[in-house]
Protein backbone atom coordinates (compact mmCIF):
# COMPACT_ATOMS: atom_id res chain seq x y z
CA UNK A 1 171.05 63.42 67.97
CA UNK A 2 168.16 61.86 65.33
CA UNK A 3 165.34 63.62 63.84
CA UNK A 4 162.19 62.06 65.56
CA UNK A 5 159.10 63.34 63.33
CA UNK A 6 155.07 62.28 64.86
CA UNK A 7 153.06 62.01 61.92
CA UNK A 8 149.47 62.51 63.12
CA UNK A 9 147.39 60.50 60.36
CA UNK A 10 144.14 61.45 60.60
CA UNK A 11 142.51 61.75 56.75
CA UNK A 12 144.60 58.86 55.30
CA UNK A 13 145.57 55.52 56.76
CA UNK A 14 149.08 53.95 57.25
CA UNK A 15 148.52 52.10 53.96
CA UNK A 16 147.92 55.84 52.12
CA UNK A 17 150.80 57.05 53.96
CA UNK A 18 153.53 54.53 54.37
CA UNK A 19 154.86 54.15 50.80
CA UNK A 20 154.82 57.95 50.13
CA UNK A 21 157.00 58.59 52.52
CA UNK A 22 159.07 55.53 51.55
CA UNK A 23 158.99 56.66 48.36
CA UNK A 24 160.78 59.42 49.50
CA UNK A 25 163.09 58.05 51.15
CA UNK A 26 164.68 56.00 48.68
CA UNK A 27 164.60 58.77 46.43
CA UNK A 28 167.08 60.46 49.12
CA UNK A 29 169.52 57.62 48.67
CA UNK A 30 168.74 56.51 52.34
CA UNK A 31 167.78 52.89 53.38
CA UNK A 32 164.27 52.09 55.97
CA UNK A 33 163.64 50.39 58.63
CA UNK A 34 159.72 49.58 58.87
CA UNK A 35 159.03 48.78 62.09
CA UNK A 36 155.59 46.67 62.78
CA UNK A 37 153.15 45.39 65.71
CA UNK A 38 153.58 41.77 64.69
CA UNK A 39 154.83 39.42 62.22
CA UNK A 40 151.50 39.56 60.90
CA UNK A 41 151.23 43.32 59.76
CA UNK A 42 154.80 42.45 58.15
CA UNK A 43 153.68 40.41 56.08
CA UNK A 44 150.48 42.40 55.46
CA UNK A 45 152.46 45.59 54.65
CA UNK A 46 155.42 44.01 52.38
CA UNK A 47 151.84 42.67 50.36
CA UNK A 48 150.50 46.23 50.47
CA UNK A 49 153.62 47.98 49.26
CA UNK A 50 153.81 44.91 46.56
CA UNK A 51 150.63 46.39 45.31
CA UNK A 52 149.74 49.70 46.13
CA UNK A 53 150.10 51.43 43.07
CA UNK A 54 150.68 49.78 39.42
CA UNK A 55 152.97 52.35 38.37
CA UNK A 56 155.30 52.78 41.45
CA UNK A 57 157.83 49.74 42.29
CA UNK A 58 158.87 50.00 45.82
CA UNK A 59 161.58 47.41 46.78
CA UNK A 60 161.56 46.01 49.93
CA UNK A 61 161.52 42.64 51.87
CA UNK A 62 160.70 41.31 55.16
CA UNK A 63 162.14 37.99 57.12
CA UNK A 64 160.89 35.79 54.67
CA UNK A 65 162.11 36.78 51.75
CA UNK A 66 165.77 37.09 53.66
CA UNK A 67 168.91 38.81 52.16
CA UNK A 68 168.40 41.92 54.77
CA UNK A 69 171.32 43.68 53.86
CA UNK A 70 170.64 44.06 50.25
CA UNK A 71 166.76 45.05 51.13
CA UNK A 72 166.41 49.06 50.36
CA UNK A 73 163.66 48.66 53.00
CA UNK A 74 163.23 46.73 55.70
CA UNK A 75 159.69 45.50 57.36
CA UNK A 76 160.07 43.45 60.56
CA UNK A 77 158.30 43.16 64.02
CA UNK A 78 162.14 43.55 65.92
CA UNK A 79 163.90 46.12 67.04
CA UNK A 80 167.18 45.37 64.38
CA UNK A 81 168.70 47.34 61.56
CA UNK A 82 169.98 44.47 59.20
CA UNK A 83 169.86 46.73 56.41
CA UNK A 84 172.53 49.24 57.45
CA UNK A 85 169.09 51.97 57.53
CA UNK A 86 169.54 55.66 58.09
CA UNK A 87 165.65 55.78 59.03
CA UNK A 88 163.59 53.99 61.35
CA UNK A 89 159.67 54.22 60.62
CA UNK A 90 157.74 53.21 63.62
CA UNK A 91 153.71 51.79 63.10
CA UNK A 92 151.13 50.53 65.30
CA UNK A 93 152.32 51.96 68.23
CA UNK A 94 155.68 50.11 67.68
CA UNK A 95 158.83 51.56 69.64
CA UNK A 96 162.08 51.19 69.41
CA UNK A 97 165.21 51.58 71.87
CA UNK A 98 167.37 52.13 68.89
CA UNK A 99 166.00 55.63 67.70
CA UNK A 100 169.25 57.32 69.00
CA UNK A 101 171.31 55.34 65.96
CA UNK A 102 169.27 56.64 63.18
CA UNK A 103 169.52 59.93 61.39
CA UNK A 104 165.67 60.33 61.23
CA UNK A 105 162.63 58.22 62.65
CA UNK A 106 158.89 58.75 61.39
CA UNK A 107 156.91 57.66 63.91
CA UNK A 108 153.16 57.38 62.30
CA UNK A 109 150.45 57.00 64.28
CA UNK A 110 146.23 56.69 64.19
CA UNK A 111 145.13 60.31 64.80
CA UNK A 112 141.49 58.87 65.33
CA UNK A 113 142.08 56.27 68.14
CA UNK A 114 142.60 57.76 70.96
CA UNK A 115 144.51 55.32 73.02
CA UNK A 116 147.45 55.37 70.25
CA UNK A 117 147.34 59.35 70.62
CA UNK A 118 147.94 58.64 73.98
CA UNK A 119 150.39 56.40 73.50
CA UNK A 120 152.37 58.62 70.96
CA UNK A 121 152.33 61.21 73.31
CA UNK A 122 154.44 59.23 76.19
CA UNK A 123 156.58 58.85 72.91
CA UNK A 124 157.26 62.17 72.01
CA UNK A 125 157.84 63.04 75.78
CA UNK A 126 160.82 60.24 76.31
CA UNK A 127 162.24 61.35 72.75
CA UNK A 128 162.51 64.58 74.04
CA UNK A 129 163.36 64.05 77.43
CA UNK A 130 166.34 61.82 75.36
CA UNK A 131 167.34 65.00 73.58
CA UNK A 132 166.36 64.33 70.29
CA UNK A 133 165.07 66.96 67.73
CA UNK A 134 161.11 66.08 67.65
CA UNK A 135 158.38 67.61 65.18
CA UNK A 136 155.11 67.39 64.60
CA UNK A 137 153.41 66.75 61.41
CA UNK A 138 149.56 67.01 60.72
CA UNK A 139 147.47 65.61 57.73
CA UNK A 140 146.21 68.54 55.35
CA UNK A 141 142.48 68.37 53.96
CA UNK A 142 144.42 67.99 50.30
CA UNK A 143 146.38 64.76 51.76
CA UNK A 144 150.10 66.54 52.45
CA UNK A 145 151.88 67.32 55.50
CA UNK A 146 151.95 70.68 57.53
CA UNK A 147 154.41 70.94 60.74
CA UNK A 148 152.70 72.34 63.60
CA UNK A 149 155.55 72.12 66.17
């Protein structure tokens, strides 16, 4: 059973929330796969992660960089785990048939997009039906996260 956490982005964008969650992942000694909706989005996220904070370093790679097995964070549009990651991050409505092969899955969705919210509800129901431990996290006014369910 995988712990699946749904992150309802209402006050911050994916670009603001993802780096912080990935930094916590690396601090915990874990590797991550970030599954994005397209190759263009992969490259946009990769570029963003190099520049999001001038005082932080978040090592990551994509297929353009190669050497997946050496990358602590692998960003991809494909449902794959070439770096042996324990954590999976789903972005932009991307979904994985491999959720059960990870320790944790983070499903980050845009709470300001009704279609994205509805799709996240369907993924929640599917994960729960598959026997995963699901939790729901909502952004607080201060920018942190509060567990709601």
